Amino acid sequence: MKTQRKADIVVGCGIALFGIFIIYASTLIKGGAAHQLPPETFPMVVGILMLLCGAGLAFKSWNIRGADLAIPWPDREGVRTIMVVLAGVAAYILLLNPLGLPLATFLYIAFSTWYLT
């Protein structure tokens, strides 16, 4: 059975692993001037924060005692909503180059707000 506790543990571990990957990838960045902040600083900080937050979520969920909430699978309407949102993201990605970032982002946010409310 799918439960909220198990889902939080898996998501927390996934975020932590992604944070480790970002930390490693940031060490591969080269360049930058000596008197400025090195270019790998921001990705390193983001990776560390993701690692800490993901590990914190997994650890907190691991230590929860008591009744565990069951996660119901989405019904037909839920699956349709997920598919429309994924199609909207795909359309956004495809429209980025032809329309440009500001217009494509405006259209995506307008569509998502209209559809999800």
PDB file of N, CA and C in Angstrom:
ATOM      1  N   MET A   1       0.836  -1.179   0.000  1.00  0.00           N
ATOM      2  CA  MET A   1       0.000   0.000   0.000  1.00  0.00           C
ATOM      3  C   MET A   1       0.884   1.245   0.000  1.00  0.00           C
ATOM      4  N   LYS A   2       0.517   2.220  -0.800  1.00  0.00           N
ATOM      5  CA  LYS A   2       1.243   3.482  -0.862  1.00  0.00           C
ATOM      6  C   LYS A   2       0.824   4.338   0.322  1.00  0.00           C
ATOM      7  N   THR A   3       1.824   4.830   1.078  1.00  0.00           N
ATOM      8  CA  THR A   3       1.516   5.672   2.225  1.00  0.00           C
ATOM      9  C   THR A   3       2.308   6.969   2.149  1.00  0.00           C
ATOM     10  N   GLN A   4       1.817   7.973   2.865  1.00  0.00           N
ATOM     11  CA  GLN A   4       2.470   9.275   2.869  1.00  0.00           C
ATOM     12  C   GLN A   4       3.883   9.179   3.443  1.00  0.00           C
ATOM     13  N   ARG A   5       4.066   8.370   4.474  1.00  0.00           N
ATOM     14  CA  ARG A   5       5.380   8.224   5.101  1.00  0.00           C
ATOM     15  C   ARG A   5       6.397   7.656   4.110  1.00  0.00           C
ATOM     16  N   LYS A   6       6.015   6.587   3.413  1.00  0.00           N
ATOM     17  CA  LYS A   6       6.925   5.984   2.432  1.00  0.00           C
ATOM     18  C   LYS A   6       7.221   6.955   1.298  1.00  0.00           C
ATOM     19  N   ALA A   7       6.207   7.672   0.848  1.00  0.00           N
ATOM     20  CA  ALA A   7       6.408   8.636  -0.236  1.00  0.00           C
ATOM     21  C   ALA A   7       7.367   9.740   0.193  1.00  0.00           C
ATOM     22  N   ASP A   8       7.224  10.240   1.426  1.00  0.00           N
ATOM     23  CA  ASP A   8       8.117  11.289   1.914  1.00  0.00           C
ATOM     24  C   ASP A   8       9.554  10.795   2.041  1.00  0.00           C
ATOM     25  N   ILE A   9       9.729   9.555   2.462  1.00  0.00           N
ATOM     26  CA  ILE A   9      11.076   8.999   2.574  1.00  0.00           C
ATOM     27  C   ILE A   9      11.718   8.884   1.195  1.00  0.00           C
ATOM     28  N   VAL A  10      10.977   8.381   0.219  1.00  0.00           N
ATOM     29  CA  VAL A  10      11.520   8.222  -1.134  1.00  0.00           C
ATOM     30  C   VAL A  10      11.831   9.590  -1.748  1.00  0.00           C
ATOM     31  N   VAL A  11      10.925  10.550  -1.620  1.00  0.00           N
ATOM     32  CA  VAL A  11      11.155  11.880  -2.181  1.00  0.00           C
ATOM     33  C   VAL A  11      12.338  12.550  -1.485  1.00  0.00           C
ATOM     34  N   GLY A  12      12.427  12.435  -0.166  1.00  0.00           N
ATOM     35  CA  GLY A  12      13.548  13.015   0.571  1.00  0.00           C
ATOM     36  C   GLY A  12      14.879  12.437   0.131  1.00  0.00           C
ATOM     37  N   CYS A  13      14.937  11.120  -0.031  1.00  0.00           N
ATOM     38  CA  CYS A  13      16.183  10.494  -0.502  1.00  0.00           C
ATOM     39  C   CYS A  13      16.515  10.926  -1.925  1.00  0.00           C
ATOM     40  N   GLY A  14      15.488  11.046  -2.767  1.00  0.00           N
ATOM     41  CA  GLY A  14      15.720  11.494  -4.136  1.00  0.00           C
ATOM     42  C   GLY A  14      16.260  12.917  -4.191  1.00  0.00           C
ATOM     43  N   ILE A  15      15.683  13.805  -3.391  1.00  0.00           N
ATOM     44  CA  ILE A  15      16.160  15.190  -3.351  1.00  0.00           C
ATOM     45  C   ILE A  15      17.588  15.239  -2.816  1.00  0.00           C
ATOM     46  N   ALA A  16      17.877  14.447  -1.799  1.00  0.00           N
ATOM     47  CA  ALA A  16      19.230  14.417  -1.238  1.00  0.00           C
ATOM     48  C   ALA A  16      20.236  13.909  -2.268  1.00  0.00           C
ATOM     49  N   LEU A  17      19.885  12.862  -3.011  1.00  0.00           N
ATOM     50  CA  LEU A  17      20.789  12.344  -4.047  1.00  0.00           C
ATOM     51  C   LEU A  17      20.989  13.372  -5.163  1.00  0.00           C
ATOM     52  N   PHE A  18      19.931  14.075  -5.523  1.00  0.00           N
ATOM     53  CA  PHE A  18      20.057  15.126  -6.533  1.00  0.00           C
ATOM     54  C   PHE A  18      20.962  16.235  -6.014  1.00  0.00           C
ATOM     55  N   GLY A  19      20.867  16.553  -4.725  1.00  0.00           N
ATOM     56  CA  GLY A  19      21.756  17.547  -4.124  1.00  0.00           C
ATOM     57  C   GLY A  19      23.209  17.113  -4.186  1.00  0.00           C
ATOM     58  N   ILE A  20      23.468  15.828  -3.939  1.00  0.00           N
ATOM     59  CA  ILE A  20      24.834  15.315  -4.039  1.00  0.00           C
ATOM     60  C   ILE A  20      25.339  15.450  -5.469  1.00  0.00           C
ATOM     61  N   PHE A  21      24.493  15.136  -6.441  1.00  0.00           N
ATOM     62  CA  PHE A  21      24.875  15.284  -7.845  1.00  0.00           C
ATOM     63  C   PHE A  21      25.205  16.741  -8.170  1.00  0.00           C
ATOM     64  N   ILE A  22      24.403  17.673  -7.674  1.00  0.00           N
ATOM     65  CA  ILE A  22      24.653  19.097  -7.936  1.00  0.00           C
ATOM     66  C   ILE A  22      25.963  19.539  -7.282  1.00  0.00           C
ATOM     67  N   ILE A  23      26.221  19.071  -6.082  1.00  0.00           N
ATOM     68  CA  ILE A  23      27.486  19.417  -5.414  1.00  0.00           C
ATOM     69  C   ILE A  23      28.665  18.911  -6.243  1.00  0.00           C
ATOM     70  N   TYR A  24      28.575  17.662  -6.706  1.00  0.00           N
ATOM     71  CA  TYR A  24      29.658  17.114  -7.528  1.00  0.00           C
ATOM     72  C   TYR A  24      29.810  17.902  -8.829  1.00  0.00           C
ATOM     73  N   ALA A  25      28.695  18.190  -9.487  1.00  0.00           N
ATOM     74  CA  ALA A  25      28.751  18.909 -10.761  1.00  0.00           C
ATOM     75  C   ALA A  25      29.310  20.318 -10.567  1.00  0.00           C
ATOM     76  N   SER A  26      29.040  20.926  -9.428  1.00  0.00           N
ATOM     77  CA  SER A  26      29.557  22.282  -9.201  1.00  0.00           C
ATOM     78  C   SER A  26      31.071  22.287  -9.022  1.00  0.00           C
ATOM     79  N   THR A  27      31.644  21.172  -8.594  1.00  0.00           N
ATOM     80  CA  THR A  27      33.098  21.120  -8.462  1.00  0.00           C
ATOM     81  C   THR A  27      33.797  21.048  -9.818  1.00  0.00           C
ATOM     82  N   LEU A  28      33.047  20.707 -10.867  1.00  0.00           N
ATOM     83  CA  LEU A  28      33.615  20.616 -12.208  1.00  0.00           C
ATOM     84  C   LEU A  28      33.627  21.957 -12.939  1.00  0.00           C
ATOM     85  N   ILE A  29      32.988  22.970 -12.372  1.00  0.00           N
ATOM     86  CA  ILE A  29      32.928  24.285 -13.010  1.00  0.00           C
ATOM     87  C   ILE A  29      34.275  24.973 -12.830  1.00  0.00           C
ATOM     88  N   LYS A  30      34.809  25.454 -13.920  1.00  0.00           N
ATOM     89  CA  LYS A  30      36.105  26.143 -13.882  1.00  0.00           C
ATOM     90  C   LYS A  30      35.935  27.566 -14.391  1.00  0.00           C
ATOM     91  N   GLY A  31      36.875  28.416 -14.050  1.00  0.00           N
ATOM     92  CA  GLY A  31      36.869  29.785 -14.562  1.00  0.00           C
ATOM     93  C   GLY A  31      36.537  30.779 -13.479  1.00  0.00           C
ATOM     94  N   GLY A  32      36.407  32.025 -13.891  1.00  0.00           N
ATOM     95  CA  GLY A  32      36.083  33.078 -12.949  1.00  0.00           C
ATOM     96  C   GLY A  32      37.314  33.854 -12.537  1.00  0.00           C
ATOM     97  N   ALA A  33      37.107  35.079 -12.147  1.00  0.00           N
ATOM     98  CA  ALA A  33      38.205  35.946 -11.723  1.00  0.00           C
ATOM     99  C   ALA A  33      38.554  35.682 -10.264  1.00  0.00           C
ATOM    100  N   ALA A  34      39.789  35.965  -9.913  1.00  0.00           N
ATOM    101  CA  ALA A  34      40.259  35.688  -8.555  1.00  0.00           C
ATOM    102  C   ALA A  34      39.646  36.640  -7.529  1.00  0.00           C
ATOM    103  N   HIS A  35      39.305  37.854  -7.924  1.00  0.00           N
ATOM    104  CA  HIS A  35      38.793  38.824  -6.954  1.00  0.00           C
ATOM    105  C   HIS A  35      37.284  38.730  -6.779  1.00  0.00           C
ATOM    106  N   GLN A  36      36.610  37.891  -7.565  1.00  0.00           N
ATOM    107  CA  GLN A  36      35.168  37.725  -7.460  1.00  0.00           C
ATOM    108  C   GLN A  36      34.846  36.374  -6.837  1.00  0.00           C
ATOM    109  N   LEU A  37      33.576  36.207  -6.529  1.00  0.00           N
ATOM    110  CA  LEU A  37      33.105  34.925  -6.037  1.00  0.00           C
ATOM    111  C   LEU A  37      33.237  33.894  -7.159  1.00  0.00           C
ATOM    112  N   PRO A  38      33.769  32.720  -6.875  1.00  0.00           N
ATOM    113  CA  PRO A  38      33.925  31.719  -7.936  1.00  0.00           C
ATOM    114  C   PRO A  38      32.560  31.291  -8.495  1.00  0.00           C
ATOM    115  N   PRO A  39      32.497  30.891  -9.759  1.00  0.00           N
ATOM    116  CA  PRO A  39      31.215  30.549 -10.374  1.00  0.00           C
ATOM    117  C   PRO A  39      30.566  29.297  -9.800  1.00  0.00           C
ATOM    118  N   GLU A  40      31.312  28.471  -9.116  1.00  0.00           N
ATOM    119  CA  GLU A  40      30.702  27.257  -8.556  1.00  0.00           C
ATOM    120  C   GLU A  40      30.034  27.490  -7.207  1.00  0.00           C
ATOM    121  N   THR A  41      30.107  28.690  -6.669  1.00  0.00           N
ATOM    122  CA  THR A  41      29.570  28.954  -5.335  1.00  0.00           C
ATOM    123  C   THR A  41      28.062  28.764  -5.271  1.00  0.00           C
ATOM    124  N   PHE A  42      27.310  29.383  -6.180  1.00  0.00           N
ATOM    125  CA  PHE A  42      25.847  29.283  -6.126  1.00  0.00           C
ATOM    126  C   PHE A  42      25.357  27.851  -6.311  1.00  0.00           C
ATOM    127  N   PRO A  43      25.824  27.106  -7.335  1.00  0.00           N
ATOM    128  CA  PRO A  43      25.373  25.714  -7.443  1.00  0.00           C
ATOM    129  C   PRO A  43      25.771  24.875  -6.232  1.00  0.00           C
ATOM    130  N   MET A  44      26.927  25.162  -5.648  1.00  0.00           N
ATOM    131  CA  MET A  44      27.351  24.421  -4.458  1.00  0.00           C
ATOM    132  C   MET A  44      26.385  24.668  -3.300  1.00  0.00           C
ATOM    133  N   VAL A  45      26.001  25.927  -3.096  1.00  0.00           N
ATOM    134  CA  VAL A  45      25.073  26.260  -2.008  1.00  0.00           C
ATOM    135  C   VAL A  45      23.709  25.614  -2.256  1.00  0.00           C
ATOM    136  N   VAL A  46      23.229  25.656  -3.503  1.00  0.00           N
ATOM    137  CA  VAL A  46      21.943  25.028  -3.828  1.00  0.00           C
ATOM    138  C   VAL A  46      22.020  23.525  -3.585  1.00  0.00           C
ATOM    139  N   GLY A  47      23.106  22.887  -3.993  1.00  0.00           N
ATOM    140  CA  GLY A  47      23.273  21.452  -3.769  1.00  0.00           C
ATOM    141  C   GLY A  47      23.309  21.092  -2.297  1.00  0.00           C
ATOM    142  N   ILE A  48      24.009  21.894  -1.504  1.00  0.00           N
ATOM    143  CA  ILE A  48      24.073  21.636  -0.059  1.00  0.00           C
ATOM    144  C   ILE A  48      22.699  21.788   0.570  1.00  0.00           C
ATOM    145  N   LEU A  49      21.967  22.839   0.173  1.00  0.00           N
ATOM    146  CA  LEU A  49      20.619  23.034   0.713  1.00  0.00           C
ATOM    147  C   LEU A  49      19.683  21.895   0.306  1.00  0.00           C
ATOM    148  N   MET A  50      19.788  21.431  -0.932  1.00  0.00           N
ATOM    149  CA  MET A  50      18.957  20.304  -1.359  1.00  0.00           C
ATOM    150  C   MET A  50      19.320  19.036  -0.597  1.00  0.00           C
ATOM    151  N   LEU A  51      20.591  18.809  -0.387  1.00  0.00           N
ATOM    152  CA  LEU A  51      21.021  17.638   0.378  1.00  0.00           C
ATOM    153  C   LEU A  51      20.475  17.698   1.796  1.00  0.00           C
ATOM    154  N   LEU A  52      20.595  18.848   2.443  1.00  0.00           N
ATOM    155  CA  LEU A  52      20.115  18.985   3.818  1.00  0.00           C
ATOM    156  C   LEU A  52      18.596  18.868   3.909  1.00  0.00           C
ATOM    157  N   CYS A  53      17.889  19.521   3.012  1.00  0.00           N
ATOM    158  CA  CYS A  53      16.427  19.467   3.050  1.00  0.00           C
ATOM    159  C   CYS A  53      15.904  18.066   2.733  1.00  0.00           C
ATOM    160  N   GLY A  54      16.482  17.416   1.738  1.00  0.00           N
ATOM    161  CA  GLY A  54      16.062  16.062   1.402  1.00  0.00           C
ATOM    162  C   GLY A  54      16.345  15.079   2.525  1.00  0.00           C
ATOM    163  N   ALA A  55      17.531  15.177   3.111  1.00  0.00           N
ATOM    164  CA  ALA A  55      17.866  14.291   4.233  1.00  0.00           C
ATOM    165  C   ALA A  55      16.972  14.590   5.427  1.00  0.00           C
ATOM    166  N   GLY A  56      16.674  15.865   5.645  1.00  0.00           N
ATOM    167  CA  GLY A  56      15.778  16.229   6.749  1.00  0.00           C
ATOM    168  C   GLY A  56      14.380  15.667   6.559  1.00  0.00           C
ATOM    169  N   LEU A  57      13.854  15.755   5.342  1.00  0.00           N
ATOM    170  CA  LEU A  57      12.524  15.207   5.057  1.00  0.00           C
ATOM    171  C   LEU A  57      12.503  13.700   5.248  1.00  0.00           C
ATOM    172  N   ALA A  58      13.509  13.012   4.730  1.00  0.00           N
ATOM    173  CA  ALA A  58      13.560  11.555   4.874  1.00  0.00           C
ATOM    174  C   ALA A  58      13.705  11.160   6.342  1.00  0.00           C
ATOM    175  N   PHE A  59      14.574  11.847   7.065  1.00  0.00           N
ATOM    176  CA  PHE A  59      14.784  11.521   8.486  1.00  0.00           C
ATOM    177  C   PHE A  59      13.527  11.800   9.310  1.00  0.00           C
ATOM    178  N   LYS A  60      12.884  12.935   9.056  1.00  0.00           N
ATOM    179  CA  LYS A  60      11.659  13.272   9.791  1.00  0.00           C
ATOM    180  C   LYS A  60      10.573  12.240   9.512  1.00  0.00           C
ATOM    181  N   SER A  61      10.423  11.850   8.246  1.00  0.00           N
ATOM    182  CA  SER A  61       9.395  10.874   7.895  1.00  0.00           C
ATOM    183  C   SER A  61       9.729   9.488   8.453  1.00  0.00           C
ATOM    184  N   TRP A  62      10.999   9.170   8.493  1.00  0.00           N
ATOM    185  CA  TRP A  62      11.414   7.880   9.033  1.00  0.00           C
ATOM    186  C   TRP A  62      11.041   7.760  10.512  1.00  0.00           C
ATOM    187  N   ASN A  63      11.123   8.858  11.252  1.00  0.00           N
ATOM    188  CA  ASN A  63      10.876   8.837  12.693  1.00  0.00           C
ATOM    189  C   ASN A  63       9.424   9.050  13.080  1.00  0.00           C
ATOM    190  N   ILE A  64       8.525   9.229  12.130  1.00  0.00           N
ATOM    191  CA  ILE A  64       7.107   9.433  12.463  1.00  0.00           C
ATOM    192  C   ILE A  64       6.527   8.122  12.974  1.00  0.00           C
ATOM    193  N   ARG A  65       5.871   8.213  14.081  1.00  0.00           N
ATOM    194  CA  ARG A  65       5.187   7.057  14.659  1.00  0.00           C
ATOM    195  C   ARG A  65       3.699   7.377  14.711  1.00  0.00           C
ATOM    196  N   GLY A  66       2.894   6.370  14.595  1.00  0.00           N
ATOM    197  CA  GLY A  66       1.459   6.575  14.633  1.00  0.00           C
ATOM    198  C   GLY A  66       0.819   6.135  13.328  1.00  0.00           C
ATOM    199  N   ALA A  67      -0.427   6.567  13.145  1.00  0.00           N
ATOM    200  CA  ALA A  67      -1.188   6.170  11.963  1.00  0.00           C
ATOM    201  C   ALA A  67      -0.563   6.763  10.703  1.00  0.00           C
ATOM    202  N   ASP A  68      -0.424   5.940   9.703  1.00  0.00           N
ATOM    203  CA  ASP A  68       0.155   6.370   8.436  1.00  0.00           C
ATOM    204  C   ASP A  68      -0.973   6.599   7.446  1.00  0.00           C
ATOM    205  N   LEU A  69      -0.951   7.756   6.778  1.00  0.00           N
ATOM    206  CA  LEU A  69      -2.003   8.100   5.831  1.00  0.00           C
ATOM    207  C   LEU A  69      -1.803   7.347   4.523  1.00  0.00           C
ATOM    208  N   ALA A  70      -2.861   6.710   4.052  1.00  0.00           N
ATOM    209  CA  ALA A  70      -2.813   6.025   2.757  1.00  0.00           C
ATOM    210  C   ALA A  70      -2.956   7.064   1.654  1.00  0.00           C
ATOM    211  N   ILE A  71      -2.235   6.858   0.570  1.00  0.00           N
ATOM    212  CA  ILE A  71      -2.304   7.765  -0.567  1.00  0.00           C
ATOM    213  C   ILE A  71      -3.187   7.115  -1.623  1.00  0.00           C
ATOM    214  N   PRO A  72      -4.345   7.713  -1.896  1.00  0.00           N
ATOM    215  CA  PRO A  72      -5.198   7.129  -2.940  1.00  0.00           C
ATOM    216  C   PRO A  72      -4.657   7.470  -4.328  1.00  0.00           C
ATOM    217  N   TRP A  73      -4.779   6.532  -5.240  1.00  0.00           N
ATOM    218  CA  TRP A  73      -4.383   6.805  -6.612  1.00  0.00           C
ATOM    219  C   TRP A  73      -5.380   7.763  -7.209  1.00  0.00           C
ATOM    220  N   PRO A  74      -4.947   8.632  -8.104  1.00  0.00           N
ATOM    221  CA  PRO A  74      -5.896   9.579  -8.686  1.00  0.00           C
ATOM    222  C   PRO A  74      -6.950   8.865  -9.528  1.00  0.00           C
ATOM    223  N   ASP A  75      -8.163   9.412  -9.473  1.00  0.00           N
ATOM    224  CA  ASP A  75      -9.228   8.859 -10.286  1.00  0.00           C
ATOM    225  C   ASP A  75      -9.071   9.350 -11.724  1.00  0.00           C
ATOM    226  N   ARG A  76     -10.061   9.091 -12.550  1.00  0.00           N
ATOM    227  CA  ARG A  76      -9.975   9.459 -13.960  1.00  0.00           C
ATOM    228  C   ARG A  76      -9.776  10.968 -14.137  1.00  0.00           C
ATOM    229  N   GLU A  77     -10.468  11.775 -13.332  1.00  0.00           N
ATOM    230  CA  GLU A  77     -10.322  13.237 -13.401  1.00  0.00           C
ATOM    231  C   GLU A  77      -8.910  13.668 -12.994  1.00  0.00           C
ATOM    232  N   GLY A  78      -8.338  13.024 -11.978  1.00  0.00           N
ATOM    233  CA  GLY A  78      -6.988  13.346 -11.537  1.00  0.00           C
ATOM    234  C   GLY A  78      -5.944  13.021 -12.588  1.00  0.00           C
ATOM    235  N   VAL A  79      -6.102  11.889 -13.252  1.00  0.00           N
ATOM    236  CA  VAL A  79      -5.171  11.499 -14.308  1.00  0.00           C
ATOM    237  C   VAL A  79      -5.259  12.489 -15.468  1.00  0.00           C
ATOM    238  N   ARG A  80      -6.487  12.921 -15.802  1.00  0.00           N
ATOM    239  CA  ARG A  80      -6.663  13.899 -16.882  1.00  0.00           C
ATOM    240  C   ARG A  80      -5.987  15.222 -16.525  1.00  0.00           C
ATOM    241  N   THR A  81      -6.135  15.653 -15.282  1.00  0.00           N
ATOM    242  CA  THR A  81      -5.490  16.895 -14.844  1.00  0.00           C
ATOM    243  C   THR A  81      -3.976  16.789 -14.947  1.00  0.00           C
ATOM    244  N   ILE A  82      -3.418  15.674 -14.519  1.00  0.00           N
ATOM    245  CA  ILE A  82      -1.967  15.470 -14.599  1.00  0.00           C
ATOM    246  C   ILE A  82      -1.501  15.511 -16.049  1.00  0.00           C
ATOM    247  N   MET A  83      -2.236  14.866 -16.929  1.00  0.00           N
ATOM    248  CA  MET A  83      -1.852  14.836 -18.347  1.00  0.00           C
ATOM    249  C   MET A  83      -1.933  16.227 -18.984  1.00  0.00           C
ATOM    250  N   VAL A  84      -2.963  17.000 -18.645  1.00  0.00           N
ATOM    251  CA  VAL A  84      -3.085  18.345 -19.203  1.00  0.00           C
ATOM    252  C   VAL A  84      -1.947  19.232 -18.703  1.00  0.00           C
ATOM    253  N   VAL A  85      -1.589  19.109 -17.430  1.00  0.00           N
ATOM    254  CA  VAL A  85      -0.494  19.905 -16.881  1.00  0.00           C
ATOM    255  C   VAL A  85       0.832  19.513 -17.548  1.00  0.00           C
ATOM    256  N   LEU A  86       1.072  18.228 -17.746  1.00  0.00           N
ATOM    257  CA  LEU A  86       2.295  17.788 -18.437  1.00  0.00           C
ATOM    258  C   LEU A  86       2.319  18.275 -19.886  1.00  0.00           C
ATOM    259  N   ALA A  87       1.162  18.264 -20.546  1.00  0.00           N
ATOM    260  CA  ALA A  87       1.095  18.783 -21.921  1.00  0.00           C
ATOM    261  C   ALA A  87       1.373  20.284 -21.934  1.00  0.00           C
ATOM    262  N   GLY A  88       0.896  20.998 -20.909  1.00  0.00           N
ATOM    263  CA  GLY A  88       1.177  22.423 -20.816  1.00  0.00           C
ATOM    264  C   GLY A  88       2.664  22.697 -20.639  1.00  0.00           C
ATOM    265  N   VAL A  89       3.333  21.895 -19.828  1.00  0.00           N
ATOM    266  CA  VAL A  89       4.779  22.051 -19.638  1.00  0.00           C
ATOM    267  C   VAL A  89       5.515  21.753 -20.942  1.00  0.00           C
ATOM    268  N   ALA A  90       5.089  20.713 -21.650  1.00  0.00           N
ATOM    269  CA  ALA A  90       5.724  20.376 -22.931  1.00  0.00           C
ATOM    270  C   ALA A  90       5.520  21.506 -23.939  1.00  0.00           C
ATOM    271  N   ALA A  91       4.314  22.072 -23.986  1.00  0.00           N
ATOM    272  CA  ALA A  91       4.058  23.192 -24.902  1.00  0.00           C
ATOM    273  C   ALA A  91       4.904  24.400 -24.523  1.00  0.00           C
ATOM    274  N   TYR A  92       5.050  24.631 -23.241  1.00  0.00           N
ATOM    275  CA  TYR A  92       5.888  25.748 -22.774  1.00  0.00           C
ATOM    276  C   TYR A  92       7.329  25.579 -23.266  1.00  0.00           C
ATOM    277  N   ILE A  93       7.866  24.387 -23.109  1.00  0.00           N
ATOM    278  CA  ILE A  93       9.244  24.117 -23.542  1.00  0.00           C
ATOM    279  C   ILE A  93       9.380  24.296 -25.053  1.00  0.00           C
ATOM    280  N   LEU A  94       8.389  23.818 -25.803  1.00  0.00           N
ATOM    281  CA  LEU A  94       8.445  23.938 -27.258  1.00  0.00           C
ATOM    282  C   LEU A  94       8.298  25.388 -27.730  1.00  0.00           C
ATOM    283  N   LEU A  95       7.586  26.212 -26.967  1.00  0.00           N
ATOM    284  CA  LEU A  95       7.358  27.601 -27.371  1.00  0.00           C
ATOM    285  C   LEU A  95       8.425  28.570 -26.870  1.00  0.00           C
ATOM    286  N   LEU A  96       9.342  28.107 -26.053  1.00  0.00           N
ATOM    287  CA  LEU A  96      10.367  29.005 -25.515  1.00  0.00           C
ATOM    288  C   LEU A  96      11.194  29.673 -26.612  1.00  0.00           C
ATOM    289  N   ASN A  97      11.698  28.910 -27.549  1.00  0.00           N
ATOM    290  CA  ASN A  97      12.534  29.496 -28.602  1.00  0.00           C
ATOM    291  C   ASN A  97      11.748  30.371 -29.578  1.00  0.00           C
ATOM    292  N   PRO A  98      10.614  29.897 -30.094  1.00  0.00           N
ATOM    293  CA  PRO A  98       9.920  30.741 -31.071  1.00  0.00           C
ATOM    294  C   PRO A  98       9.319  32.020 -30.479  1.00  0.00           C
ATOM    295  N   LEU A  99       8.761  31.944 -29.275  1.00  0.00           N
ATOM    296  CA  LEU A  99       8.084  33.109 -28.696  1.00  0.00           C
ATOM    297  C   LEU A  99       8.965  33.918 -27.753  1.00  0.00           C
ATOM    298  N   GLY A 100       9.989  33.322 -27.221  1.00  0.00           N
ATOM    299  CA  GLY A 100      10.832  33.999 -26.241  1.00  0.00           C
ATOM    300  C   GLY A 100      10.356  33.706 -24.830  1.00  0.00           C
ATOM    301  N   LEU A 101      11.238  33.902 -23.874  1.00  0.00           N
ATOM    302  CA  LEU A 101      10.947  33.573 -22.479  1.00  0.00           C
ATOM    303  C   LEU A 101       9.773  34.360 -21.900  1.00  0.00           C
ATOM    304  N   PRO A 102       9.711  35.689 -22.047  1.00  0.00           N
ATOM    305  CA  PRO A 102       8.612  36.423 -21.395  1.00  0.00           C
ATOM    306  C   PRO A 102       7.223  36.014 -21.902  1.00  0.00           C
ATOM    307  N   LEU A 103       7.052  35.926 -23.208  1.00  0.00           N
ATOM    308  CA  LEU A 103       5.731  35.605 -23.752  1.00  0.00           C
ATOM    309  C   LEU A 103       5.353  34.152 -23.473  1.00  0.00           C
ATOM    310  N   ALA A 104       6.281  33.228 -23.654  1.00  0.00           N
ATOM    311  CA  ALA A 104       5.990  31.818 -23.391  1.00  0.00           C
ATOM    312  C   ALA A 104       5.660  31.603 -21.920  1.00  0.00           C
ATOM    313  N   THR A 105       6.384  32.273 -21.027  1.00  0.00           N
ATOM    314  CA  THR A 105       6.115  32.138 -19.598  1.00  0.00           C
ATOM    315  C   THR A 105       4.751  32.724 -19.244  1.00  0.00           C
ATOM    316  N   PHE A 106       4.433  33.885 -19.808  1.00  0.00           N
ATOM    317  CA  PHE A 106       3.116  34.490 -19.558  1.00  0.00           C
ATOM    318  C   PHE A 106       2.001  33.551 -20.000  1.00  0.00           C
ATOM    319  N   LEU A 107       2.128  32.989 -21.209  1.00  0.00           N
ATOM    320  CA  LEU A 107       1.094  32.086 -21.710  1.00  0.00           C
ATOM    321  C   LEU A 107       0.976  30.828 -20.857  1.00  0.00           C
ATOM    322  N   TYR A 108       2.107  30.276 -20.441  1.00  0.00           N
ATOM    323  CA  TYR A 108       2.083  29.075 -19.611  1.00  0.00           C
ATOM    324  C   TYR A 108       1.427  29.343 -18.263  1.00  0.00           C
ATOM    325  N   ILE A 109       1.809  30.433 -17.620  1.00  0.00           N
ATOM    326  CA  ILE A 109       1.238  30.747 -16.313  1.00  0.00           C
ATOM    327  C   ILE A 109      -0.243  31.081 -16.436  1.00  0.00           C
ATOM    328  N   ALA A 110      -0.616  31.814 -17.488  1.00  0.00           N
ATOM    329  CA  ALA A 110      -2.031  32.142 -17.698  1.00  0.00           C
ATOM    330  C   ALA A 110      -2.854  30.874 -17.910  1.00  0.00           C
ATOM    331  N   PHE A 111      -2.352  29.958 -18.756  1.00  0.00           N
ATOM    332  CA  PHE A 111      -3.069  28.705 -19.005  1.00  0.00           C
ATOM    333  C   PHE A 111      -3.165  27.868 -17.727  1.00  0.00           C
ATOM    334  N   SER A 112      -2.048  27.727 -17.016  1.00  0.00           N
ATOM    335  CA  SER A 112      -2.055  26.895 -15.804  1.00  0.00           C
ATOM    336  C   SER A 112      -2.983  27.471 -14.740  1.00  0.00           C
ATOM    337  N   THR A 113      -2.965  28.791 -14.594  1.00  0.00           N
ATOM    338  CA  THR A 113      -3.857  29.421 -13.611  1.00  0.00           C
ATOM    339  C   THR A 113      -5.307  29.217 -14.007  1.00  0.00           C
ATOM    340  N   TRP A 114      -5.607  29.389 -15.288  1.00  0.00           N
ATOM    341  CA  TRP A 114      -6.981  29.203 -15.747  1.00  0.00           C
ATOM    342  C   TRP A 114      -7.429  27.745 -15.568  1.00  0.00           C
ATOM    343  N   TYR A 115      -6.577  26.801 -15.937  1.00  0.00           N
ATOM    344  CA  TYR A 115      -6.960  25.400 -15.904  1.00  0.00           C
ATOM    345  C   TYR A 115      -7.055  24.854 -14.484  1.00  0.00           C
ATOM    346  N   LEU A 116      -6.127  25.224 -13.629  1.00  0.00           N
ATOM    347  CA  LEU A 116      -6.066  24.623 -12.291  1.00  0.00           C
ATOM    348  C   LEU A 116      -6.962  25.319 -11.264  1.00  0.00           C
ATOM    349  N   THR A 117      -7.566  26.442 -11.611  1.00  0.00           N
ATOM    350  CA  THR A 117      -8.481  27.089 -10.643  1.00  0.00           C
ATOM    351  C   THR A 117      -9.904  26.876 -10.989  1.00  0.00           C
TER     352      THR A 117
END
